Amino acid sequence: MEASDKPAAPIKEGTQSPPPGFPSLRRNLSGALYEPDESKYTELATAWNIAVITSPAAVVEAANAQDVVEALNFAATSGLPVSV
């Protein structure tokens, strides 16, 4: 695997910026993508299990199955962890 072919390292809380591709992912979604500085992010990023503290790089609110495909492909290409 060439160095340029390697996926980006996963984002760890407070250590890295989100991948620069979020604007392109946002354009490819019928639903919405929320980053930490957006109002709905906190509501959607709160885990159902409040014993687990998470800080995702972004939250995708999928409108359809294609949004799920787009989000998963983006995460895989960027080396981001996924939670449902």
Protein backbone atom coordinates (compact mmCIF):
# COMPACT_ATOMS: atom_id res chain seq x y z
CA MET A 1 0.00 0.00 0.00
CA GLU A 2 1.41 3.40 -0.98
CA ALA A 3 1.62 6.04 1.75
CA SER A 4 -0.99 8.10 -0.10
CA ASP A 5 -3.34 5.09 -0.21
CA LYS A 6 -3.47 4.72 3.57
CA PRO A 7 -6.65 5.88 5.27
CA ALA A 8 -6.40 8.73 7.74
CA ALA A 9 -5.93 7.85 11.39
CA PRO A 10 -9.13 7.76 13.45
CA ILE A 11 -10.01 10.98 15.22
CA LYS A 12 -9.36 10.82 18.96
CA GLU A 13 -11.17 13.16 21.27
CA GLY A 14 -9.60 16.60 21.16
CA THR A 15 -6.48 15.58 19.24
CA GLN A 16 -7.25 16.09 15.57
CA SER A 17 -9.41 18.20 13.33
CA PRO A 18 -12.20 16.60 11.34
CA PRO A 19 -11.19 15.41 7.89
CA PRO A 20 -11.34 18.16 5.25
CA GLY A 21 -13.80 16.08 3.21
CA PHE A 22 -16.83 16.90 5.37
CA PRO A 23 -18.05 19.60 2.92
CA SER A 24 -18.07 17.05 0.08
CA LEU A 25 -19.87 14.49 2.25
CA ARG A 26 -22.43 17.14 3.22
CA ARG A 27 -23.10 17.88 -0.48
CA ASN A 28 -23.64 14.18 -1.22
CA LEU A 29 -26.27 13.69 1.50
CA SER A 30 -30.03 14.12 1.19
CA GLY A 31 -30.12 14.25 4.98
CA ALA A 32 -27.90 16.37 7.18
CA LEU A 33 -24.39 16.33 8.61
CA TYR A 34 -23.75 18.09 11.92
CA GLU A 35 -20.33 19.07 13.24
CA PRO A 36 -19.58 19.99 16.88
CA ASP A 37 -20.12 23.72 16.30
CA GLU A 38 -23.68 23.22 15.00
CA SER A 39 -26.73 23.43 17.27
CA LYS A 40 -28.30 20.00 16.63
CA TYR A 41 -24.97 18.16 17.05
CA THR A 42 -25.19 17.89 20.86
CA GLU A 43 -28.69 16.46 20.77
CA LEU A 44 -27.79 13.86 18.15
CA ALA A 45 -24.33 13.02 19.52
CA THR A 46 -25.61 12.20 23.00
CA ALA A 47 -25.40 8.45 23.45
CA TRP A 48 -28.41 6.53 24.71
CA ASN A 49 -26.13 5.12 27.40
CA ILE A 50 -25.15 8.20 29.40
CA ALA A 51 -22.39 6.23 31.12
CA VAL A 52 -20.50 6.39 27.81
CA ILE A 53 -19.09 9.80 26.86
CA THR A 54 -18.56 10.23 23.13
CA SER A 55 -17.40 13.10 20.93
CA PRO A 56 -17.89 12.07 17.32
CA ALA A 57 -16.22 14.14 14.62
CA ALA A 58 -19.67 14.57 13.07
CA VAL A 59 -23.17 13.12 13.12
CA VAL A 60 -25.04 12.13 9.96
CA GLU A 61 -28.83 12.25 10.09
CA ALA A 62 -29.57 9.98 7.14
CA ALA A 63 -32.68 10.65 5.07
CA ASN A 64 -32.45 7.40 3.11
CA ALA A 65 -30.37 4.28 2.50
CA GLN A 66 -28.08 6.12 0.05
CA ASP A 67 -27.10 8.53 2.84
CA VAL A 68 -26.04 5.56 4.95
CA VAL A 69 -23.94 4.24 2.06
CA GLU A 70 -22.34 7.68 1.55
CA ALA A 71 -21.56 8.07 5.26
CA LEU A 72 -20.10 4.57 5.63
CA ASN A 73 -17.97 4.93 2.49
CA PHE A 74 -16.70 8.31 3.71
CA ALA A 75 -15.86 6.87 7.14
CA ALA A 76 -14.05 3.88 5.61
CA THR A 77 -12.06 6.05 3.21
CA SER A 78 -11.18 8.54 5.96
CA GLY A 79 -10.35 5.92 8.58
CA LEU A 80 -13.08 7.18 10.91
CA PRO A 81 -14.81 4.91 13.43
CA VAL A 82 -18.57 4.44 13.00
CA SER A 83 -21.30 4.20 15.58
CA VAL A 84 -25.00 3.60 14.95
